[in-house]
Every structure is written in structure tokens, then in C-alpha cells.
Protein backbone atom coordinates (compact mmCIF):
# COMPACT_ATOMS: atom_id res chain seq x y z
CA MET A 1 57.97 -21.48 65.52
CA PHE A 2 55.52 -20.28 62.91
CA SER A 3 56.39 -20.71 59.23
CA ARG A 4 56.31 -17.65 56.97
CA LEU A 5 52.99 -18.80 55.50
CA SER A 6 51.52 -19.38 58.96
CA ARG A 7 52.35 -15.80 59.90
CA ILE A 8 50.79 -14.59 56.65
CA VAL A 9 47.63 -16.60 57.32
CA LEU A 10 47.27 -15.16 60.82
CA GLY A 11 47.88 -11.63 59.58
CA VAL A 12 45.47 -12.01 56.68
CA ILE A 13 42.70 -13.41 58.88
CA VAL A 14 42.98 -10.27 61.01
CA LEU A 15 43.08 -8.11 57.86
CA ALA A 16 40.17 -10.01 56.31
CA SER A 17 37.97 -9.31 59.32
CA GLY A 18 38.22 -5.64 58.37
CA PHE A 19 36.69 -6.52 55.01
CA GLY A 20 33.78 -8.32 56.62
CA ILE A 21 35.14 -11.76 55.76
CA GLY A 22 34.06 -14.00 58.59
CA PRO A 23 33.55 -17.68 59.43
CA GLY A 24 32.28 -18.47 55.93
CA ALA A 25 35.88 -18.19 54.71
CA HIS A 26 37.10 -21.31 56.57
CA ALA A 27 37.41 -23.22 53.29
CA ALA A 28 39.69 -20.49 51.94
CA THR A 29 41.88 -20.70 55.05
CA GLY A 30 42.06 -24.42 54.30
CA THR A 31 43.48 -23.64 50.87
CA LEU A 32 46.39 -21.80 52.47
CA GLU A 33 46.89 -24.63 54.95
CA GLN A 34 46.98 -27.14 52.08
CA ILE A 35 49.57 -25.03 50.28
CA THR A 36 51.90 -24.90 53.28
CA GLN A 37 51.47 -28.62 54.02
CA ARG A 38 52.20 -29.42 50.39
CA GLY A 39 55.03 -26.89 50.23
CA ALA A 40 53.85 -25.73 46.81
CA LEU A 41 51.45 -23.31 45.17
CA ARG A 42 49.86 -25.18 42.26
CA VAL A 43 49.51 -22.88 39.26
CA GLY A 44 47.43 -23.51 36.16
CA LEU A 45 48.69 -21.98 32.90
CA GLU A 46 48.82 -22.86 29.21
CA GLY A 47 52.57 -23.02 28.74
CA THR A 48 52.15 -22.06 25.07
CA TYR A 49 51.61 -18.30 25.35
CA PRO A 50 54.88 -16.36 24.98
CA PRO A 51 56.06 -14.11 26.51
CA PHE A 52 53.67 -14.83 29.37
CA ASN A 53 54.30 -18.56 29.76
CA TYR A 54 55.96 -20.99 27.36
CA GLN A 55 58.68 -23.63 27.02
CA ASP A 56 62.16 -22.47 26.09
CA GLU A 57 64.65 -24.39 23.92
CA LYS A 58 65.48 -26.58 26.93
CA GLY A 59 61.84 -27.46 27.46
CA GLU A 60 61.63 -25.42 30.66
CA LEU A 61 58.66 -23.19 31.48
CA VAL A 62 59.61 -19.53 31.33
CA GLY A 63 57.88 -16.17 30.88
CA PHE A 64 56.45 -13.19 32.67
CA GLU A 65 53.75 -15.15 34.50
CA VAL A 66 56.16 -17.94 35.40
CA ASP A 67 58.44 -15.42 37.13
CA PHE A 68 55.41 -13.69 38.66
CA ALA A 69 54.06 -16.97 40.09
CA LYS A 70 57.49 -17.91 41.46
CA ALA A 71 57.74 -14.52 43.18
CA ILE A 72 54.31 -15.00 44.77
CA ALA A 73 55.19 -18.50 45.94
CA GLN A 74 58.49 -17.28 47.41
CA LYS A 75 56.68 -14.60 49.40
CA LEU A 76 54.35 -17.32 50.71
CA GLY A 77 57.34 -19.44 51.72
CA VAL A 78 56.63 -22.26 49.24
CA LYS A 79 57.61 -23.21 45.68
CA ALA A 80 55.55 -22.75 42.51
CA GLU A 81 54.35 -25.94 40.88
CA PHE A 82 53.11 -25.46 37.29
CA GLN A 83 50.45 -27.53 35.55
CA PRO A 84 50.16 -26.70 31.81
CA THR A 85 46.55 -27.00 30.68
CA LYS A 86 44.72 -26.05 27.46
CA TRP A 87 42.87 -22.78 27.75
CA ASP A 88 39.39 -24.15 27.02
CA GLY A 89 39.64 -26.42 30.09
CA ILE A 90 41.77 -24.36 32.43
CA LEU A 91 39.00 -22.77 34.53
CA ALA A 92 37.15 -26.08 34.75
CA ALA A 93 40.38 -27.62 36.07
CA LEU A 94 40.49 -24.87 38.71
CA ASP A 95 36.93 -25.81 39.70
CA ALA A 96 38.04 -29.45 39.97
CA GLU A 97 40.86 -28.37 42.36
CA ARG A 98 43.63 -29.59 40.08
CA PHE A 99 45.44 -26.39 41.02
CA ASP A 100 45.05 -23.50 43.45
CA VAL A 101 45.07 -20.57 41.02
CA VAL A 102 45.12 -19.77 37.32
CA ILE A 103 47.81 -17.27 36.28
CA ASN A 104 47.35 -17.06 32.54
CA GLN A 105 46.29 -13.55 31.46
CA VAL A 106 42.73 -14.22 32.59
CA THR A 107 40.72 -11.14 31.65
CA VAL A 108 38.23 -10.11 34.32
CA SER A 109 34.66 -9.90 33.03
CA PRO A 110 31.21 -9.70 34.67
CA GLU A 111 30.46 -13.24 33.50
CA ARG A 112 33.63 -14.64 35.03
CA ARG A 113 33.09 -12.75 38.28
CA GLN A 114 29.87 -14.72 38.73
CA LYS A 115 31.86 -17.97 38.91
CA TYR A 116 35.32 -16.98 40.17
CA ASP A 117 37.10 -14.60 42.50
CA PHE A 118 39.98 -12.47 41.22
CA SER A 119 43.05 -10.79 42.59
CA GLN A 120 43.86 -7.17 41.93
CA PRO A 121 44.96 -6.73 38.28
CA TYR A 122 48.59 -7.51 37.54
CA THR A 123 48.60 -6.41 33.88
CA ILE A 124 46.59 -3.74 32.07
CA SER A 125 46.11 -4.37 28.38
CA GLY A 126 43.70 -4.15 25.45
CA ILE A 127 42.59 -6.11 22.40
CA GLN A 128 44.85 -5.93 19.35
CA ILE A 129 44.01 -6.89 15.77
CA ILE A 130 46.91 -8.91 14.33
CA THR A 131 47.23 -9.81 10.67
CA ARG A 132 49.73 -10.76 7.94
CA ARG A 133 52.17 -8.11 6.81
CA GLY A 134 50.62 -6.21 3.92
CA ASN A 135 47.06 -6.54 5.23
CA GLU A 136 47.38 -4.11 8.13
CA ALA A 137 45.83 -1.21 6.18
CA LYS A 138 42.82 -3.32 5.18
CA ILE A 139 42.00 -4.65 8.66
CA SER A 140 42.97 -1.98 11.18
CA LYS A 141 39.85 -1.34 13.28
CA PRO A 142 36.99 -3.37 14.77
CA GLU A 143 34.49 -2.52 12.01
CA ASP A 144 36.91 -3.97 9.43
CA LEU A 145 36.34 -7.43 10.94
CA THR A 146 32.86 -7.72 9.39
CA GLY A 147 32.84 -10.61 6.97
CA LYS A 148 36.46 -11.52 7.74
CA LYS A 149 37.71 -14.85 9.06
CA VAL A 150 38.97 -14.01 12.54
CA GLY A 151 40.88 -16.53 14.65
CA VAL A 152 40.56 -16.69 18.43
CA VAL A 153 41.31 -19.29 21.09
CA LEU A 154 38.20 -21.22 22.09
CA GLY A 155 36.58 -19.89 25.27
CA SER A 156 38.75 -16.78 25.35
CA ASN A 157 37.65 -13.25 26.10
CA TYR A 158 38.40 -12.44 22.45
CA GLU A 159 35.84 -14.97 21.24
CA GLN A 160 33.23 -13.43 23.54
CA TRP A 161 34.12 -9.91 22.40
CA LEU A 162 33.58 -10.88 18.76
CA LYS A 163 30.24 -12.53 19.46
CA THR A 164 29.04 -9.43 21.29
CA ASN A 165 30.59 -6.64 19.22
CA SER A 166 31.26 -8.05 15.75
CA PRO A 167 28.65 -10.79 15.19
CA LYS A 168 29.06 -10.61 11.40
CA ALA A 169 32.70 -11.66 11.61
CA ASP A 170 33.43 -15.25 10.58
CA ILE A 171 34.74 -16.51 13.93
CA ARG A 172 37.24 -19.39 13.76
CA THR A 173 38.15 -20.99 17.10
CA TYR A 174 41.39 -22.79 18.01
CA ASP A 175 42.71 -24.83 20.91
CA ASP A 176 45.96 -22.89 21.06
CA ASP A 177 47.76 -19.81 19.77
CA PRO A 178 50.47 -21.51 17.63
CA THR A 179 47.95 -23.35 15.42
CA ARG A 180 45.93 -20.17 14.99
CA ASN A 181 49.03 -18.16 14.11
CA GLN A 182 50.12 -20.69 11.49
CA ASP A 183 46.67 -20.49 9.87
CA LEU A 184 47.03 -16.71 9.76
CA ILE A 185 50.40 -16.93 8.02
CA ALA A 186 49.04 -19.54 5.59
CA GLY A 187 46.10 -17.28 4.68
CA ARG A 188 43.41 -19.58 6.04
CA ILE A 189 42.19 -16.75 8.26
CA ASP A 190 42.39 -12.97 7.76
CA ALA A 191 43.17 -11.76 11.27
CA VAL A 192 43.38 -12.76 14.91
CA LEU A 193 42.48 -10.95 18.11
CA ASN A 194 44.84 -11.13 21.05
CA ASP A 195 46.50 -9.24 23.88
CA ARG A 196 48.35 -6.11 22.75
CA LEU A 197 51.25 -7.10 25.00
CA ILE A 198 52.19 -10.15 22.91
CA VAL A 199 52.61 -8.27 19.61
CA ALA A 200 56.33 -7.50 19.91
CA ASN A 201 57.04 -11.14 20.69
CA LEU A 202 54.91 -12.36 17.76
CA VAL A 203 56.63 -10.04 15.29
CA LYS A 204 59.99 -11.41 16.42
CA GLN A 205 58.85 -15.04 16.59
CA TYR A 206 57.42 -15.03 13.05
CA ASN A 207 60.12 -12.85 11.48
CA GLY A 208 57.78 -9.96 10.77
CA GLU A 209 55.19 -12.01 8.87
CA ILE A 210 52.66 -11.14 11.61
CA VAL A 211 52.05 -7.49 12.48
CA ALA A 212 49.77 -5.35 14.63
CA ALA A 213 47.00 -3.56 12.74
CA GLY A 214 45.64 -0.29 14.11
CA GLU A 215 45.44 0.76 17.74
CA PRO A 216 44.47 -1.46 20.70
CA PHE A 217 40.88 -1.15 21.92
CA ALA A 218 38.62 -2.41 24.72
CA LYS A 219 40.85 -1.90 27.79
CA GLN A 220 41.30 -5.11 29.76
CA GLU A 221 42.53 -6.04 33.22
CA GLN A 222 44.13 -9.42 33.83
CA SER A 223 44.08 -11.02 37.28
CA ILE A 224 44.75 -14.26 39.11
CA ALA A 225 41.65 -16.48 39.18
CA PHE A 226 40.55 -18.29 42.38
CA ARG A 227 37.71 -20.65 43.14
CA LYS A 228 34.67 -18.74 44.36
CA GLY A 229 34.70 -18.17 48.11
CA ASP A 230 38.50 -18.27 48.59
CA GLN A 231 38.36 -14.84 50.24
CA VAL A 232 41.13 -15.29 52.80
CA PHE A 233 43.39 -16.88 50.19
CA ARG A 234 42.62 -14.04 47.75
CA VAL A 235 43.36 -11.37 50.36
CA ALA A 236 46.67 -13.09 51.18
CA VAL A 237 47.71 -13.12 47.52
CA ASP A 238 46.65 -9.50 47.07
CA LYS A 239 48.87 -8.61 50.02
CA VAL A 240 51.75 -10.43 48.35
CA ILE A 241 51.15 -8.54 45.07
CA ASP A 242 51.20 -5.28 47.02
CA ASP A 243 54.54 -6.33 48.51
CA LEU A 244 55.93 -7.18 45.05
CA ARG A 245 54.89 -3.76 43.79
CA GLY A 246 56.34 -2.06 46.83
CA ASP A 247 59.78 -3.68 46.68
CA GLY A 248 60.08 -3.20 42.91
CA SER A 249 59.99 -6.92 42.05
CA LEU A 250 56.91 -6.67 39.83
CA ALA A 251 58.37 -3.78 37.84
CA LYS A 252 61.63 -5.72 37.32
CA ILE A 253 59.75 -8.77 36.01
CA SER A 254 57.76 -6.53 33.66
CA GLU A 255 60.89 -4.81 32.34
CA LYS A 256 62.58 -8.19 31.83
CA TRP A 257 59.86 -9.57 29.58
CA PHE A 258 58.37 -6.45 27.92
CA GLY A 259 60.95 -3.71 28.29
CA ILE A 260 58.22 -1.50 29.77
CA GLU A 261 55.99 -1.37 32.84
CA VAL A 262 52.77 -3.26 32.01
CA THR A 263 51.49 -3.81 35.54
CA LEU A 264 50.06 -0.35 36.26
């Protein structure tokens, strides 16, 4: 008797042929076979990025993307196996096959599309300026970043945006969000750039010391990242995401962590 994943693989191969995905996708089919043999979908994430993925008071990984990954794995008939990895090395670890996918608010960009394949978007967001309470009127729009010390995580889309659009900003890079946020509170930097969807959590986490400044800008789409050429695997996961949208699971996960629908 076929396993659930075996049936998905067969169905996706038929579906993929309609997209012109042919024999060159054998390696991608192998990825699905490895997942079912292993019984686990290996997921790369930071584990330090609330409310998307982080450790709770018990030390367990929780968050929007943790629930999202578990839902995908369940649809595939396997479990989700998480591998926390620093952001600046997470895509390189995907290349090295340490995990099967990265589910960590990876913003799709032309540069990244050259090296990786992506699922359909699962969150729609934008860049938000975040600063200390009391400074929000002084730094509320992109042009206000000129000459300011702006903190971003190394290798992030926010770092690239600053280099391209605000080259006169004093860019300060960090390995993780918590260290950057503490420097903001301490006054060592003037502002940070991050996902608009994390603001409510940051305000709560830092007791209102950190606030959003101005309106979000530069619309962004976040997707699951795959190794280049994993077409059959990508189509299978896209089908699962469609199913999660259709049965309401994705909306429920979004409401749980954000109180609003952030996946459309």
C-alpha cells in the first residue's frame, strides 16, 4: 500500500509534467523519497525570531513558522525536524543539504532567485523602521535614515535594501535580532529595519521601549527556500500550501500568532 507521501509524489509528478518539468527533476524526486525514508522534513530556521520561530520558557521551539512547518510535514505524512541556524549561514547550510528547506521569513529577491527556488508566498509584508520610544517622529521614513546608525541582521534583505536605497546610512550588522535590539535600547544605534509583522511582538517583548516609526514600505513576499532544481519537491509543497489555504489551516495559524490574516 502506498504511503501518503508516495501518493503525493505520484500525483505531483503527473502535475509537474503539465508545467514542463521532465526528467531533469529526478534529483528533486529523490528529495521527496529521502524525506519519506527518513520520516521527517528537515527545516532550517533561526529559532530566535519571535513570533515566527523562537524558544519559549520551556526551551521548546514555537511560533508561526514552526506551526506552519508542522502543518506541511503532517500533510506530507512525516514529522517536522527543526535545525536552528544563524541567519548569515542558513542558506549556505541549505546548499550543503543540512536540511531540506528554509522556513524563516526568507524574502524573495531577484538575486536569491538566481541561486534558489521558492514556494508560493506564505506571508506578505513590508519593511518597517523601528526605533526607541521618543525617536519615532525623528526617524519615520526612509530618507530619515541618512547619516543614522541603522542595525540589520548580516546578510538579510534589510541590509541589501539599505545598501541599494540608503547608502549614506551608517549600516551596523548583527548576527541576530536580540543583540541588535539591545543595542537599539541602549542607544548604540538609532534605528533598525525589520519585518512589519514583528512590531507588535517587539513592543510587548520590550515593554514599549521599542516602537514602529512611520508606515511600512517596500512590499515583500516571504517564501520557503529550496535548493535550485528541486522542481518536483517545490510543486509538492506548493500543493500542500494550497491545501492548507483551502481547509482554513493557514488562516488559523496566522490568527493564532498575529491576530490577523498575514498570508494573503
